Amino acid sequence: VDPSSAQDTADIVKARLSQQIHDAARMSDLASAPSSIIAFVKQLPESYLHATTVEERKAHLSLYQTYHERLDQPGGCVQISWSTHNNSRLHDKSSVVLYAVFSDVAGLIGTITSILSEHHVKIRNLAAFSTVHGVAVDTFAVSSQHLRAHETDSYRV
């Protein structure tokens, strides 16, 4: 057996085992979650569970519930909240997290990114998902000298 081939195989096994352990940990996060979060997550692709933290799921669920409560009201089809205190995988110390839940219509992410750009807000990272019922559940890690913590902590549209 070629030593480099053996090392490659060992690296592949290590990577797969690491992924399985990571997946098991994510599932245990979900196993202890309230039934409302479990029902919510089941509407999203499997990749949502792997790409989000418990805190992000809670933020998305809150917006999703508000979305459904206000869907028939003007502006109710878009729910947004900001966070500066976050454990998001997308978040770092120099960014703010924008959570968005909205009716998933072609072009809306483009509209959001255009509006942020017009206000000199840089998108550092984005995670975008859609429920089986056509509701977008997105997280934007953004940065801007124009965003101040006190403006974002309680802002909700």
N, C-alpha and C. Protein backbone atom coordinates (compact mmCIF):
# COMPACT_ATOMS: atom_id res chain seq x y z
N VAL A 1 0.84 -1.18 0.00
CA VAL A 1 0.00 0.00 0.00
C VAL A 1 0.89 1.24 0.00
N ASP A 2 0.57 2.14 -0.90
CA ASP A 2 1.29 3.40 -1.02
C ASP A 2 1.03 4.25 0.24
N PRO A 3 2.09 4.72 0.95
CA PRO A 3 1.90 5.50 2.17
C PRO A 3 1.04 6.75 1.96
N SER A 4 1.20 7.43 0.82
CA SER A 4 0.40 8.64 0.59
C SER A 4 -1.07 8.28 0.38
N SER A 5 -1.33 7.13 -0.26
CA SER A 5 -2.69 6.67 -0.46
C SER A 5 -3.33 6.30 0.87
N ALA A 6 -2.56 5.66 1.73
CA ALA A 6 -3.06 5.30 3.05
C ALA A 6 -3.39 6.56 3.86
N GLN A 7 -2.55 7.57 3.76
CA GLN A 7 -2.80 8.82 4.47
C GLN A 7 -4.05 9.51 3.93
N ASP A 8 -4.22 9.50 2.60
CA ASP A 8 -5.41 10.08 2.00
C ASP A 8 -6.67 9.38 2.51
N THR A 9 -6.62 8.05 2.56
CA THR A 9 -7.76 7.27 3.05
C THR A 9 -8.03 7.60 4.51
N ALA A 10 -6.99 7.69 5.31
CA ALA A 10 -7.14 8.03 6.72
C ALA A 10 -7.76 9.42 6.87
N ASP A 11 -7.35 10.36 6.04
CA ASP A 11 -7.90 11.71 6.08
C ASP A 11 -9.39 11.71 5.73
N ILE A 12 -9.76 10.90 4.73
CA ILE A 12 -11.17 10.81 4.33
C ILE A 12 -12.00 10.21 5.46
N VAL A 13 -11.50 9.13 6.07
CA VAL A 13 -12.21 8.51 7.19
C VAL A 13 -12.35 9.51 8.34
N LYS A 14 -11.28 10.21 8.66
CA LYS A 14 -11.31 11.20 9.74
C LYS A 14 -12.35 12.28 9.44
N ALA A 15 -12.37 12.77 8.22
CA ALA A 15 -13.32 13.82 7.84
C ALA A 15 -14.76 13.32 7.96
N ARG A 16 -15.02 12.09 7.48
CA ARG A 16 -16.38 11.55 7.55
C ARG A 16 -16.82 11.31 8.99
N LEU A 17 -15.92 10.77 9.81
CA LEU A 17 -16.25 10.56 11.22
C LEU A 17 -16.50 11.89 11.93
N SER A 18 -15.68 12.87 11.63
CA SER A 18 -15.86 14.20 12.22
C SER A 18 -17.22 14.75 11.85
N GLN A 19 -17.61 14.57 10.59
CA GLN A 19 -18.92 15.07 10.14
C GLN A 19 -20.04 14.33 10.86
N GLN A 20 -19.91 13.01 11.03
CA GLN A 20 -20.94 12.24 11.73
C GLN A 20 -21.06 12.68 13.19
N ILE A 21 -19.93 12.92 13.83
CA ILE A 21 -19.95 13.39 15.22
C ILE A 21 -20.61 14.77 15.29
N HIS A 22 -20.24 15.63 14.34
CA HIS A 22 -20.83 16.97 14.27
C HIS A 22 -22.34 16.87 14.06
N ASP A 23 -22.77 15.99 13.15
CA ASP A 23 -24.20 15.82 12.87
C ASP A 23 -24.93 15.30 14.10
N ALA A 24 -24.32 14.36 14.82
CA ALA A 24 -24.94 13.81 16.03
C ALA A 24 -25.11 14.90 17.09
N ALA A 25 -24.12 15.76 17.21
CA ALA A 25 -24.21 16.86 18.17
C ALA A 25 -25.32 17.81 17.78
N ARG A 26 -25.46 18.10 16.49
CA ARG A 26 -26.53 18.98 16.02
C ARG A 26 -27.89 18.34 16.30
N MET A 27 -28.00 17.02 16.11
CA MET A 27 -29.25 16.34 16.37
C MET A 27 -29.58 16.37 17.86
N SER A 28 -28.58 16.27 18.73
CA SER A 28 -28.85 16.34 20.16
C SER A 28 -29.31 17.74 20.54
N ASP A 29 -28.78 18.78 19.86
CA ASP A 29 -29.30 20.14 20.06
C ASP A 29 -30.78 20.17 19.76
N LEU A 30 -31.17 19.53 18.66
CA LEU A 30 -32.56 19.53 18.24
C LEU A 30 -33.41 18.67 19.15
N ALA A 31 -32.87 17.56 19.64
CA ALA A 31 -33.63 16.65 20.48
C ALA A 31 -34.10 17.33 21.76
N SER A 32 -33.32 18.27 22.28
CA SER A 32 -33.70 18.96 23.50
C SER A 32 -34.48 20.25 23.22
N ALA A 33 -34.76 20.52 21.97
CA ALA A 33 -35.46 21.75 21.59
C ALA A 33 -36.96 21.62 21.81
N PRO A 34 -37.63 22.75 22.04
CA PRO A 34 -39.09 22.72 22.16
C PRO A 34 -39.73 22.20 20.87
N SER A 35 -40.92 21.64 20.99
CA SER A 35 -41.60 21.05 19.84
C SER A 35 -41.85 22.07 18.73
N SER A 36 -42.03 23.35 19.09
CA SER A 36 -42.26 24.38 18.06
C SER A 36 -41.04 24.54 17.16
N ILE A 37 -39.84 24.44 17.73
CA ILE A 37 -38.63 24.54 16.91
C ILE A 37 -38.49 23.30 16.04
N ILE A 38 -38.79 22.13 16.60
CA ILE A 38 -38.70 20.90 15.82
C ILE A 38 -39.65 20.96 14.63
N ALA A 39 -40.88 21.38 14.86
CA ALA A 39 -41.86 21.49 13.76
C ALA A 39 -41.39 22.49 12.72
N PHE A 40 -40.82 23.59 13.16
CA PHE A 40 -40.30 24.62 12.26
C PHE A 40 -39.16 24.07 11.40
N VAL A 41 -38.20 23.41 12.05
CA VAL A 41 -37.02 22.89 11.35
C VAL A 41 -37.41 21.83 10.32
N LYS A 42 -38.44 21.06 10.61
CA LYS A 42 -38.89 20.01 9.68
C LYS A 42 -39.39 20.58 8.36
N GLN A 43 -39.74 21.86 8.34
CA GLN A 43 -40.21 22.50 7.11
C GLN A 43 -39.06 22.98 6.23
N LEU A 44 -37.85 22.93 6.76
CA LEU A 44 -36.67 23.45 6.06
C LEU A 44 -35.80 22.31 5.56
N PRO A 45 -34.92 22.59 4.59
CA PRO A 45 -34.02 21.53 4.13
C PRO A 45 -33.08 21.08 5.24
N GLU A 46 -32.59 19.86 5.12
CA GLU A 46 -31.69 19.30 6.13
C GLU A 46 -30.47 20.18 6.35
N SER A 47 -30.02 20.85 5.32
CA SER A 47 -28.84 21.71 5.43
C SER A 47 -29.05 22.85 6.43
N TYR A 48 -30.32 23.25 6.68
CA TYR A 48 -30.60 24.31 7.65
C TYR A 48 -30.09 23.91 9.04
N LEU A 49 -30.36 22.69 9.42
CA LEU A 49 -29.95 22.20 10.73
C LEU A 49 -28.44 22.23 10.88
N HIS A 50 -27.74 21.91 9.82
CA HIS A 50 -26.28 21.87 9.86
C HIS A 50 -25.65 23.27 9.80
N ALA A 51 -26.38 24.23 9.27
CA ALA A 51 -25.82 25.56 9.04
C ALA A 51 -26.20 26.58 10.10
N THR A 52 -27.04 26.20 11.06
CA THR A 52 -27.52 27.17 12.03
C THR A 52 -27.26 26.71 13.45
N THR A 53 -27.22 27.67 14.35
CA THR A 53 -27.08 27.38 15.78
C THR A 53 -28.47 27.37 16.41
N VAL A 54 -28.55 26.91 17.64
CA VAL A 54 -29.82 26.91 18.36
C VAL A 54 -30.35 28.34 18.48
N GLU A 55 -29.47 29.29 18.76
CA GLU A 55 -29.88 30.68 18.91
C GLU A 55 -30.47 31.23 17.60
N GLU A 56 -29.85 30.88 16.48
CA GLU A 56 -30.37 31.33 15.19
C GLU A 56 -31.74 30.72 14.91
N ARG A 57 -31.89 29.45 15.24
CA ARG A 57 -33.19 28.79 15.03
C ARG A 57 -34.28 29.46 15.85
N LYS A 58 -33.94 29.83 17.08
CA LYS A 58 -34.92 30.52 17.94
C LYS A 58 -35.29 31.88 17.35
N ALA A 59 -34.29 32.61 16.85
CA ALA A 59 -34.56 33.92 16.24
C ALA A 59 -35.43 33.76 15.00
N HIS A 60 -35.09 32.78 14.17
CA HIS A 60 -35.89 32.53 12.96
C HIS A 60 -37.31 32.11 13.32
N LEU A 61 -37.46 31.22 14.31
CA LEU A 61 -38.79 30.77 14.71
C LEU A 61 -39.64 31.94 15.19
N SER A 62 -39.06 32.81 15.99
CA SER A 62 -39.80 33.98 16.47
C SER A 62 -40.30 34.83 15.31
N LEU A 63 -39.42 35.09 14.35
CA LEU A 63 -39.83 35.88 13.18
C LEU A 63 -40.86 35.13 12.34
N TYR A 64 -40.69 33.83 12.22
CA TYR A 64 -41.61 32.99 11.44
C TYR A 64 -43.01 33.03 12.06
N GLN A 65 -43.08 32.96 13.38
CA GLN A 65 -44.37 33.03 14.06
C GLN A 65 -45.01 34.41 13.87
N THR A 66 -44.22 35.46 13.98
CA THR A 66 -44.72 36.81 13.75
C THR A 66 -45.17 36.98 12.30
N TYR A 67 -44.40 36.42 11.39
CA TYR A 67 -44.75 36.44 9.96
C TYR A 67 -46.16 35.89 9.76
N HIS A 68 -46.47 34.74 10.36
CA HIS A 68 -47.78 34.13 10.19
C HIS A 68 -48.88 34.92 10.89
N GLU A 69 -48.57 35.53 12.02
CA GLU A 69 -49.56 36.34 12.74
C GLU A 69 -49.92 37.61 11.97
N ARG A 70 -48.96 38.17 11.24
CA ARG A 70 -49.15 39.47 10.59
C ARG A 70 -49.24 39.39 9.06
N LEU A 71 -49.34 38.20 8.52
CA LEU A 71 -49.30 38.01 7.08
C LEU A 71 -50.35 38.82 6.34
N ASP A 72 -51.53 38.99 6.92
CA ASP A 72 -52.60 39.74 6.26
C ASP A 72 -52.53 41.24 6.50
N GLN A 73 -51.58 41.70 7.29
CA GLN A 73 -51.43 43.13 7.58
C GLN A 73 -50.44 43.76 6.61
N PRO A 74 -50.53 45.07 6.38
CA PRO A 74 -49.55 45.73 5.52
C PRO A 74 -48.14 45.53 6.07
N GLY A 75 -47.23 45.08 5.22
CA GLY A 75 -45.85 44.86 5.61
C GLY A 75 -45.62 43.58 6.38
N GLY A 76 -46.69 42.82 6.64
CA GLY A 76 -46.58 41.61 7.45
C GLY A 76 -45.85 40.46 6.77
N CYS A 77 -45.72 40.54 5.45
CA CYS A 77 -45.07 39.45 4.72
C CYS A 77 -43.55 39.51 4.81
N VAL A 78 -43.01 40.50 5.54
CA VAL A 78 -41.56 40.62 5.75
C VAL A 78 -41.32 40.88 7.23
N GLN A 79 -40.55 40.02 7.85
CA GLN A 79 -40.19 40.19 9.26
C GLN A 79 -38.66 40.22 9.35
N ILE A 80 -38.14 41.24 10.03
CA ILE A 80 -36.69 41.43 10.12
C ILE A 80 -36.32 41.76 11.56
N SER A 81 -35.20 41.22 12.01
CA SER A 81 -34.65 41.65 13.30
C SER A 81 -33.12 41.67 13.18
N TRP A 82 -32.51 42.53 13.99
CA TRP A 82 -31.06 42.68 14.01
C TRP A 82 -30.53 42.13 15.32
N SER A 83 -29.30 41.68 15.31
CA SER A 83 -28.66 41.24 16.54
C SER A 83 -27.18 41.59 16.52
N THR A 84 -26.71 42.13 17.63
CA THR A 84 -25.27 42.36 17.78
C THR A 84 -24.68 41.36 18.75
N HIS A 85 -25.53 40.70 19.50
CA HIS A 85 -25.09 39.71 20.48
C HIS A 85 -25.54 38.36 19.96
N ASN A 86 -24.65 37.66 19.29
CA ASN A 86 -25.05 36.47 18.56
C ASN A 86 -23.99 35.39 18.57
N ASN A 87 -24.44 34.17 18.53
CA ASN A 87 -23.54 33.03 18.42
C ASN A 87 -23.64 32.41 17.03
N SER A 88 -23.96 33.22 16.05
CA SER A 88 -24.11 32.74 14.69
C SER A 88 -22.79 32.26 14.13
N ARG A 89 -22.84 31.24 13.30
CA ARG A 89 -21.64 30.78 12.61
C ARG A 89 -21.16 31.84 11.61
N LEU A 90 -22.06 32.70 11.18
CA LEU A 90 -21.72 33.71 10.19
C LEU A 90 -21.16 34.97 10.84
N HIS A 91 -21.37 35.13 12.11
CA HIS A 91 -21.10 36.37 12.83
C HIS A 91 -19.67 36.41 13.34
N ASP A 92 -19.04 37.55 13.23
CA ASP A 92 -17.77 37.77 13.91
C ASP A 92 -17.87 39.09 14.66
N LYS A 93 -16.83 39.46 15.36
CA LYS A 93 -16.90 40.63 16.24
C LYS A 93 -17.14 41.94 15.50
N SER A 94 -16.85 41.98 14.21
CA SER A 94 -17.01 43.24 13.48
C SER A 94 -18.30 43.27 12.66
N SER A 95 -19.18 42.30 12.87
CA SER A 95 -20.40 42.29 12.09
C SER A 95 -21.64 42.26 12.97
N VAL A 96 -22.75 42.54 12.33
CA VAL A 96 -24.07 42.52 12.93
C VAL A 96 -24.86 41.49 12.15
N VAL A 97 -25.80 40.82 12.80
CA VAL A 97 -26.59 39.81 12.12
C VAL A 97 -27.99 40.36 11.84
N LEU A 98 -28.42 40.19 10.61
CA LEU A 98 -29.77 40.55 10.18
C LEU A 98 -30.50 39.25 9.90
N TYR A 99 -31.58 39.00 10.64
CA TYR A 99 -32.43 37.85 10.40
C TYR A 99 -33.62 38.33 9.58
N ALA A 100 -34.01 37.55 8.58
CA ALA A 100 -35.13 37.93 7.74
C ALA A 100 -35.99 36.70 7.44
N VAL A 101 -37.29 36.86 7.59
CA VAL A 101 -38.27 35.83 7.22
C VAL A 101 -39.30 36.54 6.36
N PHE A 102 -39.51 36.01 5.16
CA PHE A 102 -40.42 36.69 4.23
C PHE A 102 -40.96 35.71 3.20
N SER A 103 -42.02 36.12 2.51
CA SER A 103 -42.56 35.30 1.43
C SER A 103 -41.49 35.16 0.37
N ASP A 104 -41.16 33.92 0.03
CA ASP A 104 -40.06 33.65 -0.89
C ASP A 104 -40.51 33.90 -2.33
N VAL A 105 -40.21 35.09 -2.81
CA VAL A 105 -40.56 35.50 -4.16
C VAL A 105 -39.26 35.78 -4.91
N ALA A 106 -39.20 35.35 -6.16
CA ALA A 106 -37.98 35.55 -6.96
C ALA A 106 -37.55 37.01 -6.93
N GLY A 107 -36.28 37.23 -6.66
CA GLY A 107 -35.71 38.57 -6.70
C GLY A 107 -35.64 39.30 -5.37
N LEU A 108 -36.28 38.76 -4.32
CA LEU A 108 -36.29 39.50 -3.05
C LEU A 108 -34.93 39.55 -2.37
N ILE A 109 -34.14 38.50 -2.46
CA ILE A 109 -32.79 38.57 -1.88
C ILE A 109 -31.99 39.64 -2.60
N GLY A 110 -32.16 39.75 -3.90
CA GLY A 110 -31.51 40.81 -4.68
C GLY A 110 -31.94 42.18 -4.20
N THR A 111 -33.22 42.33 -3.90
CA THR A 111 -33.73 43.61 -3.40
C THR A 111 -33.11 43.93 -2.04
N ILE A 112 -33.05 42.95 -1.16
CA ILE A 112 -32.45 43.16 0.16
C ILE A 112 -30.99 43.55 0.03
N THR A 113 -30.24 42.82 -0.80
CA THR A 113 -28.82 43.14 -0.94
C THR A 113 -28.62 44.51 -1.57
N SER A 114 -29.49 44.91 -2.49
CA SER A 114 -29.39 46.24 -3.09
C SER A 114 -29.64 47.34 -2.06
N ILE A 115 -30.66 47.15 -1.23
CA ILE A 115 -30.97 48.14 -0.20
C ILE A 115 -29.82 48.27 0.79
N LEU A 116 -29.27 47.14 1.21
CA LEU A 116 -28.14 47.18 2.14
C LEU A 116 -26.96 47.90 1.49
N SER A 117 -26.71 47.61 0.23
CA SER A 117 -25.60 48.25 -0.49
C SER A 117 -25.82 49.76 -0.60
N GLU A 118 -27.03 50.17 -0.91
CA GLU A 118 -27.35 51.60 -1.01
C GLU A 118 -27.08 52.34 0.30
N HIS A 119 -27.18 51.62 1.42
CA HIS A 119 -26.93 52.21 2.73
C HIS A 119 -25.53 51.91 3.25
N HIS A 120 -24.65 51.50 2.32
CA HIS A 120 -23.24 51.25 2.62
C HIS A 120 -23.04 50.16 3.67
N VAL A 121 -23.93 49.18 3.65
CA VAL A 121 -23.83 48.03 4.53
C VAL A 121 -23.24 46.89 3.71
N LYS A 122 -22.14 46.34 4.19
CA LYS A 122 -21.47 45.25 3.48
C LYS A 122 -21.99 43.91 3.99
N ILE A 123 -22.30 43.02 3.07
CA ILE A 123 -22.72 41.68 3.44
C ILE A 123 -21.45 40.83 3.54
N ARG A 124 -21.19 40.36 4.74
CA ARG A 124 -19.99 39.55 4.97
C ARG A 124 -20.28 38.08 4.70
N ASN A 125 -21.52 37.66 4.95
CA ASN A 125 -21.90 36.28 4.75
C ASN A 125 -23.42 36.19 4.70
N LEU A 126 -23.92 35.14 4.08
CA LEU A 126 -25.36 34.97 3.93
C LEU A 126 -25.69 33.49 3.96
N ALA A 127 -26.74 33.14 4.69
CA ALA A 127 -27.28 31.79 4.67
C ALA A 127 -28.76 31.94 4.33
N ALA A 128 -29.19 31.33 3.24
CA ALA A 128 -30.57 31.49 2.76
C ALA A 128 -31.24 30.12 2.61
N PHE A 129 -32.46 30.01 3.16
CA PHE A 129 -33.22 28.77 3.11
C PHE A 129 -34.67 29.11 2.80
N SER A 130 -35.42 28.10 2.40
CA SER A 130 -36.84 28.28 2.14
C SER A 130 -37.59 27.08 2.69
N THR A 131 -38.74 27.35 3.34
CA THR A 131 -39.55 26.26 3.86
C THR A 131 -40.28 25.57 2.72
N VAL A 132 -40.86 24.42 3.03
CA VAL A 132 -41.63 23.69 2.02
C VAL A 132 -42.87 24.48 1.60
N HIS A 133 -43.24 25.50 2.37
CA HIS A 133 -44.40 26.32 2.07
C HIS A 133 -44.03 27.66 1.42
N GLY A 134 -42.77 27.81 1.03
CA GLY A 134 -42.35 29.01 0.32
C GLY A 134 -42.10 30.24 1.18
N VAL A 135 -41.58 30.02 2.37
CA VAL A 135 -41.21 31.14 3.24
C VAL A 135 -39.69 31.14 3.35
N ALA A 136 -39.08 32.26 3.00
CA ALA A 136 -37.62 32.41 3.08
C ALA A 136 -37.22 32.64 4.53
N VAL A 137 -36.13 31.98 4.93
CA VAL A 137 -35.58 32.09 6.29
C VAL A 137 -34.09 32.35 6.10
N ASP A 138 -33.68 33.62 6.25
CA ASP A 138 -32.32 34.01 5.88
C ASP A 138 -31.59 34.68 7.04
N THR A 139 -30.26 34.56 6.99
CA THR A 139 -29.39 35.23 7.96
C THR A 139 -28.29 35.93 7.19
N PHE A 140 -28.15 37.22 7.42
CA PHE A 140 -27.11 38.03 6.79
C PHE A 140 -26.15 38.49 7.88
N ALA A 141 -24.86 38.24 7.73
CA ALA A 141 -23.86 38.85 8.60
C ALA A 141 -23.38 40.07 7.85
N VAL A 142 -23.56 41.23 8.44
CA VAL A 142 -23.26 42.49 7.75
C VAL A 142 -22.35 43.35 8.60
N SER A 143 -21.71 44.32 7.95
CA SER A 143 -20.89 45.28 8.70
C SER A 143 -21.03 46.64 8.04
N SER A 144 -20.98 47.64 8.89
CA SER A 144 -21.06 49.01 8.42
C SER A 144 -20.72 49.94 9.56
N GLN A 145 -20.01 50.99 9.24
CA GLN A 145 -19.74 51.99 10.28
C GLN A 145 -21.02 52.75 10.61
N HIS A 146 -22.04 52.63 9.75
CA HIS A 146 -23.30 53.34 9.97
C HIS A 146 -24.22 52.61 10.94
N LEU A 147 -23.97 51.32 11.20
CA LEU A 147 -24.78 50.56 12.14
C LEU A 147 -24.17 50.66 13.52
N ARG A 148 -24.97 51.09 14.47
CA ARG A 148 -24.50 51.16 15.84
C ARG A 148 -25.33 50.20 16.69
N ALA A 149 -24.70 49.61 17.67
CA ALA A 149 -25.35 48.56 18.48
C ALA A 149 -26.70 48.99 19.02
N HIS A 150 -26.81 50.22 19.53
CA HIS A 150 -28.07 50.63 20.15
C HIS A 150 -29.19 50.73 19.12
N GLU A 151 -28.86 50.89 17.85
CA GLU A 151 -29.89 50.97 16.81
C GLU A 151 -30.37 49.59 16.40
N THR A 152 -29.53 48.59 16.58
CA THR A 152 -29.87 47.27 16.05
C THR A 152 -30.44 46.32 17.09
N ASP A 153 -30.19 46.56 18.37
CA ASP A 153 -30.60 45.59 19.39
C ASP A 153 -32.10 45.32 19.40
N SER A 154 -32.91 46.35 19.24
CA SER A 154 -34.35 46.13 19.37
C SER A 154 -35.10 46.48 18.08
N TYR A 155 -34.41 46.71 17.01
CA TYR A 155 -35.07 47.09 15.76
C TYR A 155 -35.79 45.91 15.16
N ARG A 156 -37.02 46.09 14.85
CA ARG A 156 -37.80 45.03 14.23
C ARG A 156 -38.81 45.69 13.30
N VAL A 157 -38.92 45.15 12.09
CA VAL A 157 -39.87 45.69 11.11
C VAL A 157 -41.07 44.81 11.08
